[in-house]
Amino acid sequence: MTVAVANNQRHVRFPASLVRKVVGAVLQHCQVQHAEISVALVDDAAIWEINRRFLGHDYPTDVISFRLDEDPEPAADPPGKPPKSRGKAAKNPDGSAQVSSPAQPVETATLTGEIVASGEMAVGRAGEFGWSPDRELALYLVHGMLHLCGYDDHTAPQRRTMRRAEAEVLRSLGWAVPSGAGS
């Protein structure tokens, strides 16, 4: 696993080692053995520009993920895993944006993707859920990584599946998820 981290925000103290730990926990949960992930922690202005430029949404959001590896053929879904997304861009029900591409079989493929998360938004929203901004930012990273691993949250059943996966990953890191929290 390779995780490159660029911290271009000053709103939340979130060391690169913690980014790698969160990313690794999601990869372990999704049974992904090989990954090259780039993570950028930014402020609202930067994520707003990315959201506008690449997704056509003129507002800041919490997290955006870009799947970079392309697989021309649909991959078989591993048993017990959610169906893989084949869409290019989507807007989540809460207004957050995500981008995903075809998934590859986790046994042989290298998952390659980018995640951009707003530390500024984490500071603004953490209080709504009664937890710290660093935990809120961790949730954004988990959410973005789950999208890279093939999870979607367009429908109520998909959202429930994703929320369960988010909670399982955060619990594996020793953090409980407050009720109502979710990227």
N, C-alpha and C. Protein backbone atom coordinates (compact mmCIF):
# COMPACT_ATOMS: atom_id res chain seq x y z
N MET A 1 0.85 -1.17 0.00
CA MET A 1 0.00 0.00 0.00
C MET A 1 0.90 1.23 0.00
N THR A 2 0.59 2.13 -0.91
CA THR A 2 1.28 3.42 -0.96
C THR A 2 0.23 4.50 -0.76
N VAL A 3 0.48 5.38 0.22
CA VAL A 3 -0.44 6.48 0.47
C VAL A 3 0.37 7.77 0.51
N ALA A 4 0.13 8.63 -0.47
CA ALA A 4 0.76 9.95 -0.50
C ALA A 4 -0.20 10.94 0.14
N VAL A 5 0.32 11.80 1.01
CA VAL A 5 -0.52 12.74 1.74
C VAL A 5 -0.02 14.16 1.53
N ALA A 6 -0.95 15.05 1.17
CA ALA A 6 -0.67 16.48 1.08
C ALA A 6 -1.65 17.18 2.01
N ASN A 7 -1.14 17.84 3.03
CA ASN A 7 -2.00 18.55 3.97
C ASN A 7 -1.90 20.04 3.66
N ASN A 8 -2.90 20.55 2.97
CA ASN A 8 -2.92 21.94 2.54
C ASN A 8 -3.98 22.74 3.29
N GLN A 9 -4.22 22.39 4.53
CA GLN A 9 -5.20 23.10 5.35
C GLN A 9 -4.62 23.25 6.76
N ARG A 10 -5.19 24.20 7.50
CA ARG A 10 -4.73 24.45 8.87
C ARG A 10 -5.87 24.37 9.88
N HIS A 11 -6.96 23.76 9.50
CA HIS A 11 -8.15 23.74 10.35
C HIS A 11 -8.16 22.57 11.33
N VAL A 12 -7.60 21.44 10.94
CA VAL A 12 -7.60 20.24 11.76
C VAL A 12 -6.19 19.66 11.77
N ARG A 13 -5.71 19.37 12.95
CA ARG A 13 -4.41 18.68 13.03
C ARG A 13 -4.67 17.21 12.72
N PHE A 14 -4.09 16.75 11.63
CA PHE A 14 -4.33 15.38 11.17
C PHE A 14 -3.05 14.88 10.50
N PRO A 15 -2.16 14.28 11.26
CA PRO A 15 -0.86 13.87 10.71
C PRO A 15 -0.97 12.82 9.61
N ALA A 16 0.02 12.80 8.74
CA ALA A 16 0.05 11.85 7.63
C ALA A 16 -0.02 10.41 8.13
N SER A 17 0.58 10.14 9.29
CA SER A 17 0.53 8.78 9.84
C SER A 17 -0.91 8.36 10.14
N LEU A 18 -1.74 9.30 10.59
CA LEU A 18 -3.14 8.99 10.87
C LEU A 18 -3.92 8.80 9.56
N VAL A 19 -3.62 9.59 8.55
CA VAL A 19 -4.24 9.39 7.23
C VAL A 19 -3.96 7.98 6.75
N ARG A 20 -2.70 7.57 6.83
CA ARG A 20 -2.32 6.23 6.37
C ARG A 20 -3.02 5.14 7.18
N LYS A 21 -3.16 5.36 8.48
CA LYS A 21 -3.84 4.38 9.34
C LYS A 21 -5.31 4.24 8.94
N VAL A 22 -5.98 5.36 8.68
CA VAL A 22 -7.39 5.33 8.28
C VAL A 22 -7.54 4.64 6.92
N VAL A 23 -6.72 5.04 5.96
CA VAL A 23 -6.77 4.43 4.63
C VAL A 23 -6.51 2.92 4.73
N GLY A 24 -5.51 2.54 5.51
CA GLY A 24 -5.20 1.12 5.69
C GLY A 24 -6.34 0.34 6.30
N ALA A 25 -7.06 0.95 7.25
CA ALA A 25 -8.19 0.27 7.88
C ALA A 25 -9.30 -0.01 6.87
N VAL A 26 -9.55 0.94 5.96
CA VAL A 26 -10.57 0.72 4.94
C VAL A 26 -10.11 -0.36 3.96
N LEU A 27 -8.86 -0.31 3.56
CA LEU A 27 -8.35 -1.32 2.63
C LEU A 27 -8.43 -2.71 3.24
N GLN A 28 -8.13 -2.81 4.53
CA GLN A 28 -8.24 -4.10 5.20
C GLN A 28 -9.70 -4.54 5.25
N HIS A 29 -10.60 -3.63 5.60
CA HIS A 29 -12.03 -3.94 5.66
C HIS A 29 -12.54 -4.45 4.31
N CYS A 30 -12.07 -3.82 3.23
CA CYS A 30 -12.53 -4.18 1.88
C CYS A 30 -11.68 -5.27 1.24
N GLN A 31 -10.71 -5.79 1.98
CA GLN A 31 -9.84 -6.86 1.51
C GLN A 31 -9.08 -6.48 0.25
N VAL A 32 -8.66 -5.22 0.17
CA VAL A 32 -7.84 -4.75 -0.94
C VAL A 32 -6.39 -4.94 -0.53
N GLN A 33 -5.64 -5.68 -1.36
CA GLN A 33 -4.27 -6.01 -1.01
C GLN A 33 -3.25 -5.05 -1.59
N HIS A 34 -3.59 -4.39 -2.69
CA HIS A 34 -2.64 -3.49 -3.35
C HIS A 34 -3.34 -2.18 -3.65
N ALA A 35 -2.72 -1.08 -3.21
CA ALA A 35 -3.36 0.22 -3.44
C ALA A 35 -2.31 1.32 -3.54
N GLU A 36 -2.62 2.28 -4.38
CA GLU A 36 -1.85 3.52 -4.48
C GLU A 36 -2.87 4.64 -4.35
N ILE A 37 -2.84 5.29 -3.20
CA ILE A 37 -3.84 6.30 -2.87
C ILE A 37 -3.14 7.63 -2.61
N SER A 38 -3.73 8.67 -3.14
CA SER A 38 -3.27 10.03 -2.87
C SER A 38 -4.36 10.75 -2.09
N VAL A 39 -3.99 11.38 -0.98
CA VAL A 39 -4.96 12.07 -0.14
C VAL A 39 -4.53 13.53 -0.01
N ALA A 40 -5.46 14.43 -0.28
CA ALA A 40 -5.22 15.87 -0.10
C ALA A 40 -6.22 16.38 0.93
N LEU A 41 -5.70 16.95 1.99
CA LEU A 41 -6.53 17.62 2.99
C LEU A 41 -6.48 19.10 2.66
N VAL A 42 -7.65 19.68 2.44
CA VAL A 42 -7.73 21.05 1.92
C VAL A 42 -8.75 21.86 2.73
N ASP A 43 -8.91 23.12 2.35
CA ASP A 43 -9.93 23.97 2.96
C ASP A 43 -11.16 24.01 2.04
N ASP A 44 -12.19 24.71 2.48
CA ASP A 44 -13.44 24.75 1.71
C ASP A 44 -13.25 25.39 0.34
N ALA A 45 -12.42 26.43 0.24
CA ALA A 45 -12.22 27.09 -1.05
C ALA A 45 -11.61 26.13 -2.07
N ALA A 46 -10.65 25.33 -1.64
CA ALA A 46 -9.99 24.40 -2.56
C ALA A 46 -10.94 23.28 -3.01
N ILE A 47 -11.71 22.71 -2.07
CA ILE A 47 -12.61 21.62 -2.46
C ILE A 47 -13.77 22.17 -3.29
N TRP A 48 -14.16 23.41 -3.04
CA TRP A 48 -15.20 24.06 -3.84
C TRP A 48 -14.73 24.14 -5.29
N GLU A 49 -13.50 24.57 -5.49
CA GLU A 49 -12.96 24.69 -6.85
C GLU A 49 -12.88 23.33 -7.53
N ILE A 50 -12.45 22.31 -6.82
CA ILE A 50 -12.37 20.96 -7.40
C ILE A 50 -13.78 20.46 -7.74
N ASN A 51 -14.72 20.68 -6.84
CA ASN A 51 -16.10 20.26 -7.05
C ASN A 51 -16.69 20.96 -8.29
N ARG A 52 -16.43 22.25 -8.42
CA ARG A 52 -16.93 23.02 -9.56
C ARG A 52 -16.24 22.57 -10.85
N ARG A 53 -14.95 22.47 -10.79
CA ARG A 53 -14.15 22.19 -12.00
C ARG A 53 -14.39 20.78 -12.56
N PHE A 54 -14.41 19.79 -11.68
CA PHE A 54 -14.47 18.42 -12.15
C PHE A 54 -15.87 17.81 -12.13
N LEU A 55 -16.76 18.33 -11.27
CA LEU A 55 -18.08 17.73 -11.15
C LEU A 55 -19.20 18.68 -11.53
N GLY A 56 -18.87 19.96 -11.75
CA GLY A 56 -19.88 20.92 -12.14
C GLY A 56 -20.80 21.35 -11.01
N HIS A 57 -20.38 21.13 -9.75
CA HIS A 57 -21.17 21.52 -8.58
C HIS A 57 -20.54 22.76 -7.97
N ASP A 58 -21.31 23.84 -7.89
CA ASP A 58 -20.77 25.11 -7.43
C ASP A 58 -20.99 25.33 -5.94
N TYR A 59 -20.36 24.48 -5.12
CA TYR A 59 -20.44 24.59 -3.67
C TYR A 59 -19.32 23.74 -3.06
N PRO A 60 -18.93 24.07 -1.83
CA PRO A 60 -17.95 23.21 -1.16
C PRO A 60 -18.62 21.92 -0.70
N THR A 61 -17.85 20.89 -0.49
CA THR A 61 -18.36 19.61 -0.02
C THR A 61 -17.36 19.03 0.96
N ASP A 62 -17.69 17.90 1.57
CA ASP A 62 -16.81 17.33 2.58
C ASP A 62 -15.69 16.48 1.99
N VAL A 63 -16.03 15.61 1.03
CA VAL A 63 -15.03 14.72 0.47
C VAL A 63 -15.38 14.40 -0.99
N ILE A 64 -14.35 14.30 -1.80
CA ILE A 64 -14.49 13.89 -3.19
C ILE A 64 -13.46 12.79 -3.43
N SER A 65 -13.88 11.73 -4.09
CA SER A 65 -12.93 10.66 -4.41
C SER A 65 -12.93 10.42 -5.91
N PHE A 66 -11.75 10.15 -6.42
CA PHE A 66 -11.55 9.88 -7.84
C PHE A 66 -10.88 8.52 -7.98
N ARG A 67 -11.54 7.62 -8.65
CA ARG A 67 -10.96 6.31 -8.96
C ARG A 67 -10.13 6.49 -10.22
N LEU A 68 -8.84 6.19 -10.18
CA LEU A 68 -7.96 6.45 -11.30
C LEU A 68 -7.68 5.23 -12.16
N ASP A 69 -7.78 4.04 -11.58
CA ASP A 69 -7.54 2.85 -12.39
C ASP A 69 -8.79 2.56 -13.21
N GLU A 70 -8.60 2.23 -14.43
CA GLU A 70 -9.72 1.96 -15.33
C GLU A 70 -9.71 0.50 -15.72
N ASP A 71 -10.87 -0.10 -15.67
CA ASP A 71 -11.04 -1.49 -16.08
C ASP A 71 -12.16 -1.50 -17.11
N PRO A 72 -11.85 -1.83 -18.37
CA PRO A 72 -12.89 -1.76 -19.39
C PRO A 72 -14.02 -2.75 -19.21
N GLU A 73 -13.79 -3.83 -18.49
CA GLU A 73 -14.83 -4.85 -18.29
C GLU A 73 -15.32 -4.80 -16.85
N PRO A 74 -16.61 -5.03 -16.62
CA PRO A 74 -17.10 -5.08 -15.24
C PRO A 74 -16.42 -6.20 -14.47
N ALA A 75 -16.03 -5.91 -13.25
CA ALA A 75 -15.42 -6.93 -12.40
C ALA A 75 -16.52 -7.65 -11.63
N ALA A 76 -16.27 -8.90 -11.35
CA ALA A 76 -17.22 -9.65 -10.52
C ALA A 76 -17.12 -9.13 -9.10
N ASP A 77 -18.26 -8.98 -8.45
CA ASP A 77 -18.26 -8.51 -7.07
C ASP A 77 -17.85 -9.66 -6.17
N PRO A 78 -16.90 -9.41 -5.24
CA PRO A 78 -16.54 -10.47 -4.31
C PRO A 78 -17.73 -10.84 -3.43
N PRO A 79 -17.83 -12.08 -3.00
CA PRO A 79 -18.95 -12.49 -2.16
C PRO A 79 -19.03 -11.62 -0.91
N GLY A 80 -20.26 -11.21 -0.56
CA GLY A 80 -20.46 -10.44 0.64
C GLY A 80 -20.12 -8.97 0.52
N LYS A 81 -19.70 -8.53 -0.63
CA LYS A 81 -19.34 -7.13 -0.83
C LYS A 81 -20.46 -6.42 -1.59
N PRO A 82 -20.56 -5.10 -1.41
CA PRO A 82 -21.59 -4.36 -2.14
C PRO A 82 -21.26 -4.32 -3.62
N PRO A 83 -22.26 -4.11 -4.47
CA PRO A 83 -22.01 -4.01 -5.90
C PRO A 83 -21.08 -2.85 -6.20
N LYS A 84 -20.29 -3.01 -7.22
CA LYS A 84 -19.34 -1.98 -7.61
C LYS A 84 -20.04 -0.91 -8.43
N SER A 85 -19.63 0.33 -8.22
CA SER A 85 -20.17 1.44 -8.99
C SER A 85 -19.52 1.47 -10.37
N ARG A 86 -20.28 1.82 -11.37
CA ARG A 86 -19.70 1.97 -12.69
C ARG A 86 -19.86 3.40 -13.17
N GLY A 87 -20.38 4.28 -12.33
CA GLY A 87 -20.59 5.66 -12.74
C GLY A 87 -19.33 6.48 -12.66
N LYS A 88 -19.33 7.61 -13.35
CA LYS A 88 -18.19 8.50 -13.33
C LYS A 88 -18.32 9.56 -12.25
N ALA A 89 -19.47 10.16 -12.08
CA ALA A 89 -19.63 11.20 -11.08
C ALA A 89 -21.02 11.10 -10.49
N ALA A 90 -21.11 11.39 -9.23
CA ALA A 90 -22.41 11.34 -8.58
C ALA A 90 -22.46 12.34 -7.45
N LYS A 91 -23.65 12.79 -7.15
CA LYS A 91 -23.89 13.66 -6.01
C LYS A 91 -24.62 12.84 -4.97
N ASN A 92 -24.05 12.79 -3.76
CA ASN A 92 -24.67 12.06 -2.68
C ASN A 92 -25.87 12.83 -2.17
N PRO A 93 -26.82 12.16 -1.50
CA PRO A 93 -28.03 12.83 -1.02
C PRO A 93 -27.75 14.02 -0.10
N ASP A 94 -26.63 13.99 0.63
CA ASP A 94 -26.33 15.10 1.54
C ASP A 94 -25.59 16.24 0.84
N GLY A 95 -25.44 16.15 -0.47
CA GLY A 95 -24.78 17.21 -1.23
C GLY A 95 -23.31 16.96 -1.46
N SER A 96 -22.72 15.96 -0.81
CA SER A 96 -21.32 15.67 -1.04
C SER A 96 -21.17 15.02 -2.42
N ALA A 97 -20.00 15.13 -2.96
CA ALA A 97 -19.77 14.61 -4.31
C ALA A 97 -18.82 13.44 -4.25
N GLN A 98 -18.98 12.53 -5.16
CA GLN A 98 -18.05 11.42 -5.27
C GLN A 98 -17.92 11.04 -6.72
N VAL A 99 -16.76 10.56 -7.07
CA VAL A 99 -16.51 10.09 -8.42
C VAL A 99 -15.98 8.68 -8.30
N SER A 100 -16.48 7.78 -9.11
CA SER A 100 -15.96 6.43 -9.08
C SER A 100 -15.92 5.87 -10.48
N SER A 101 -15.10 4.89 -10.66
CA SER A 101 -14.95 4.21 -11.94
C SER A 101 -15.06 2.72 -11.69
N PRO A 102 -14.97 1.93 -12.73
CA PRO A 102 -15.11 0.49 -12.55
C PRO A 102 -14.12 -0.06 -11.54
N ALA A 103 -14.57 -1.00 -10.76
CA ALA A 103 -13.70 -1.65 -9.79
C ALA A 103 -13.01 -2.84 -10.43
N GLN A 104 -11.85 -3.20 -9.90
CA GLN A 104 -11.12 -4.36 -10.36
C GLN A 104 -11.15 -5.42 -9.27
N PRO A 105 -10.95 -6.68 -9.63
CA PRO A 105 -10.92 -7.71 -8.60
C PRO A 105 -9.83 -7.37 -7.58
N VAL A 106 -10.17 -7.45 -6.30
CA VAL A 106 -9.23 -7.02 -5.27
C VAL A 106 -8.04 -7.95 -5.12
N GLU A 107 -8.14 -9.19 -5.57
CA GLU A 107 -7.04 -10.13 -5.39
C GLU A 107 -5.83 -9.77 -6.23
N THR A 108 -6.02 -9.22 -7.41
CA THR A 108 -4.91 -9.00 -8.33
C THR A 108 -4.72 -7.54 -8.71
N ALA A 109 -5.71 -6.73 -8.52
CA ALA A 109 -5.66 -5.35 -8.99
C ALA A 109 -4.98 -4.45 -7.97
N THR A 110 -4.49 -3.34 -8.48
CA THR A 110 -4.02 -2.26 -7.63
C THR A 110 -5.08 -1.18 -7.68
N LEU A 111 -5.67 -0.90 -6.54
CA LEU A 111 -6.64 0.17 -6.43
C LEU A 111 -5.87 1.48 -6.46
N THR A 112 -6.19 2.32 -7.43
CA THR A 112 -5.51 3.60 -7.57
C THR A 112 -6.55 4.70 -7.52
N GLY A 113 -6.35 5.63 -6.59
CA GLY A 113 -7.33 6.69 -6.48
C GLY A 113 -6.82 7.88 -5.70
N GLU A 114 -7.65 8.92 -5.74
CA GLU A 114 -7.35 10.16 -5.02
C GLU A 114 -8.55 10.52 -4.16
N ILE A 115 -8.26 11.06 -3.01
CA ILE A 115 -9.30 11.57 -2.12
C ILE A 115 -8.93 13.00 -1.76
N VAL A 116 -9.92 13.88 -1.82
CA VAL A 116 -9.76 15.26 -1.39
C VAL A 116 -10.80 15.47 -0.29
N ALA A 117 -10.35 15.91 0.89
CA ALA A 117 -11.26 16.10 2.02
C ALA A 117 -11.03 17.47 2.63
N SER A 118 -12.11 18.10 3.06
CA SER A 118 -12.04 19.44 3.63
C SER A 118 -11.94 19.42 5.15
N GLY A 119 -10.78 19.83 5.66
CA GLY A 119 -10.62 19.99 7.09
C GLY A 119 -11.49 21.11 7.63
N GLU A 120 -11.68 22.14 6.84
CA GLU A 120 -12.51 23.26 7.26
C GLU A 120 -13.96 22.82 7.46
N MET A 121 -14.47 22.01 6.55
CA MET A 121 -15.84 21.51 6.70
C MET A 121 -15.93 20.60 7.92
N ALA A 122 -14.90 19.82 8.19
CA ALA A 122 -14.91 18.94 9.36
C ALA A 122 -15.04 19.76 10.64
N VAL A 123 -14.35 20.89 10.72
CA VAL A 123 -14.46 21.76 11.88
C VAL A 123 -15.89 22.29 12.01
N GLY A 124 -16.47 22.70 10.89
CA GLY A 124 -17.81 23.26 10.91
C GLY A 124 -18.90 22.27 11.24
N ARG A 125 -18.70 21.00 10.90
CA ARG A 125 -19.78 20.01 11.06
C ARG A 125 -19.60 19.10 12.27
N ALA A 126 -18.41 19.01 12.83
CA ALA A 126 -18.15 18.08 13.93
C ALA A 126 -19.09 18.31 15.11
N GLY A 127 -19.33 19.55 15.43
CA GLY A 127 -20.19 19.88 16.57
C GLY A 127 -21.61 19.38 16.40
N GLU A 128 -22.08 19.28 15.14
CA GLU A 128 -23.43 18.78 14.89
C GLU A 128 -23.60 17.35 15.40
N PHE A 129 -22.50 16.60 15.44
CA PHE A 129 -22.56 15.19 15.79
C PHE A 129 -21.93 14.90 17.14
N GLY A 130 -21.42 15.94 17.79
CA GLY A 130 -20.87 15.76 19.13
C GLY A 130 -19.55 15.04 19.17
N TRP A 131 -18.74 15.23 18.14
CA TRP A 131 -17.41 14.66 18.20
C TRP A 131 -16.39 15.64 17.66
N SER A 132 -15.14 15.28 17.70
CA SER A 132 -14.07 16.21 17.36
C SER A 132 -13.89 16.36 15.86
N PRO A 133 -13.32 17.49 15.43
CA PRO A 133 -13.07 17.68 14.00
C PRO A 133 -12.16 16.61 13.39
N ASP A 134 -11.20 16.10 14.16
CA ASP A 134 -10.33 15.07 13.59
C ASP A 134 -11.10 13.77 13.33
N ARG A 135 -12.08 13.45 14.18
CA ARG A 135 -12.91 12.26 13.93
C ARG A 135 -13.82 12.49 12.73
N GLU A 136 -14.35 13.70 12.59
CA GLU A 136 -15.19 14.02 11.43
C GLU A 136 -14.37 13.90 10.15
N LEU A 137 -13.13 14.41 10.17
CA LEU A 137 -12.26 14.31 9.00
C LEU A 137 -11.92 12.85 8.71
N ALA A 138 -11.70 12.06 9.76
CA ALA A 138 -11.46 10.62 9.56
C ALA A 138 -12.66 9.97 8.88
N LEU A 139 -13.87 10.35 9.30
CA LEU A 139 -15.07 9.82 8.65
C LEU A 139 -15.09 10.17 7.17
N TYR A 140 -14.70 11.39 6.81
CA TYR A 140 -14.66 11.79 5.40
C TYR A 140 -13.70 10.89 4.63
N LEU A 141 -12.54 10.60 5.23
CA LEU A 141 -11.57 9.74 4.56
C LEU A 141 -12.12 8.32 4.41
N VAL A 142 -12.75 7.81 5.45
CA VAL A 142 -13.36 6.47 5.36
C VAL A 142 -14.41 6.46 4.26
N HIS A 143 -15.27 7.45 4.25
CA HIS A 143 -16.34 7.53 3.25
C HIS A 143 -15.75 7.56 1.83
N GLY A 144 -14.76 8.41 1.62
CA GLY A 144 -14.14 8.51 0.30
C GLY A 144 -13.46 7.21 -0.11
N MET A 145 -12.78 6.57 0.83
CA MET A 145 -12.13 5.29 0.53
C MET A 145 -13.15 4.21 0.21
N LEU A 146 -14.27 4.19 0.94
CA LEU A 146 -15.30 3.19 0.63
C LEU A 146 -15.84 3.39 -0.78
N HIS A 147 -15.99 4.64 -1.20
CA HIS A 147 -16.39 4.88 -2.59
C HIS A 147 -15.34 4.30 -3.55
N LEU A 148 -14.06 4.51 -3.26
CA LEU A 148 -13.01 3.96 -4.13
C LEU A 148 -13.08 2.44 -4.17
N CYS A 149 -13.50 1.84 -3.07
CA CYS A 149 -13.59 0.37 -2.99
C CYS A 149 -14.88 -0.17 -3.58
N GLY A 150 -15.75 0.70 -4.09
CA GLY A 150 -16.93 0.23 -4.79
C GLY A 150 -18.25 0.46 -4.10
N TYR A 151 -18.26 1.01 -2.91
CA TYR A 151 -19.52 1.29 -2.23
C TYR A 151 -20.19 2.51 -2.85
N ASP A 152 -21.50 2.51 -2.86
CA ASP A 152 -22.29 3.65 -3.29
C ASP A 152 -23.30 3.97 -2.20
N ASP A 153 -23.88 5.16 -2.28
CA ASP A 153 -24.89 5.54 -1.29
C ASP A 153 -26.02 6.33 -1.94
N HIS A 154 -26.40 5.92 -3.13
CA HIS A 154 -27.46 6.61 -3.89
C HIS A 154 -28.85 6.22 -3.42
N THR A 155 -29.00 5.01 -2.92
CA THR A 155 -30.31 4.54 -2.47
C THR A 155 -30.27 4.29 -0.96
N ALA A 156 -31.43 4.18 -0.35
CA ALA A 156 -31.49 3.94 1.09
C ALA A 156 -30.76 2.65 1.49
N PRO A 157 -30.96 1.53 0.79
CA PRO A 157 -30.21 0.32 1.18
C PRO A 157 -28.70 0.49 1.02
N GLN A 158 -28.26 1.17 -0.04
CA GLN A 158 -26.83 1.42 -0.21
C GLN A 158 -26.29 2.29 0.92
N ARG A 159 -27.05 3.32 1.29
CA ARG A 159 -26.62 4.20 2.39
C ARG A 159 -26.48 3.41 3.69
N ARG A 160 -27.44 2.53 3.97
CA ARG A 160 -27.36 1.72 5.19
C ARG A 160 -26.11 0.84 5.16
N THR A 161 -25.85 0.22 4.02
CA THR A 161 -24.66 -0.63 3.88
C THR A 161 -23.40 0.19 4.09
N MET A 162 -23.36 1.38 3.48
CA MET A 162 -22.18 2.22 3.61
C MET A 162 -22.01 2.70 5.05
N ARG A 163 -23.09 3.10 5.70
CA ARG A 163 -23.00 3.57 7.09
C ARG A 163 -22.50 2.45 8.01
N ARG A 164 -22.97 1.23 7.77
CA ARG A 164 -22.47 0.09 8.56
C ARG A 164 -20.97 -0.09 8.34
N ALA A 165 -20.55 -0.01 7.09
CA ALA A 165 -19.12 -0.17 6.79
C ALA A 165 -18.31 0.96 7.43
N GLU A 166 -18.82 2.19 7.36
CA GLU A 166 -18.12 3.31 8.01
C GLU A 166 -17.96 3.04 9.51
N ALA A 167 -19.05 2.61 10.14
CA ALA A 167 -19.02 2.35 11.59
C ALA A 167 -18.05 1.22 11.92
N GLU A 168 -18.04 0.16 11.10
CA GLU A 168 -17.13 -0.97 11.35
C GLU A 168 -15.68 -0.52 11.24
N VAL A 169 -15.36 0.27 10.22
CA VAL A 169 -13.98 0.73 10.04
C VAL A 169 -13.59 1.64 11.20
N LEU A 170 -14.45 2.58 11.56
CA LEU A 170 -14.12 3.50 12.65
C LEU A 170 -13.98 2.74 13.98
N ARG A 171 -14.83 1.73 14.21
CA ARG A 171 -14.69 0.92 15.42
C ARG A 171 -13.36 0.16 15.41
N SER A 172 -12.94 -0.31 14.22
CA SER A 172 -11.65 -1.02 14.14
C SER A 172 -10.49 -0.10 14.51
N LEU A 173 -10.71 1.21 14.39
CA LEU A 173 -9.70 2.20 14.76
C LEU A 173 -9.86 2.64 16.22
N GLY A 174 -10.89 2.10 16.89
CA GLY A 174 -11.12 2.43 18.28
C GLY A 174 -12.02 3.63 18.49
N TRP A 175 -12.78 4.03 17.47
CA TRP A 175 -13.65 5.20 17.55
C TRP A 175 -15.10 4.79 17.34
N ALA A 176 -15.95 5.27 18.20
CA ALA A 176 -17.39 5.05 18.03
C ALA A 176 -17.95 6.14 17.15
N VAL A 177 -19.01 5.82 16.41
CA VAL A 177 -19.65 6.78 15.54
C VAL A 177 -20.86 7.35 16.26
N PRO A 178 -20.92 8.67 16.44
CA PRO A 178 -22.11 9.24 17.08
C PRO A 178 -23.34 9.07 16.18
N SER A 179 -24.51 9.00 16.80
CA SER A 179 -25.71 8.86 16.01
C SER A 179 -25.89 10.11 15.14
N GLY A 180 -26.34 9.90 13.92
CA GLY A 180 -26.54 10.99 12.99
C GLY A 180 -25.32 11.34 12.16
N ALA A 181 -24.15 10.83 12.55
CA ALA A 181 -22.95 11.14 11.78
C ALA A 181 -22.94 10.31 10.50
N GLY A 182 -22.39 10.87 9.50
CA GLY A 182 -22.26 10.19 8.22
C GLY A 182 -21.95 11.19 7.17
N SER A 183 -20.97 10.88 6.34
CA SER A 183 -20.54 11.81 5.31
C SER A 183 -21.60 11.99 4.27
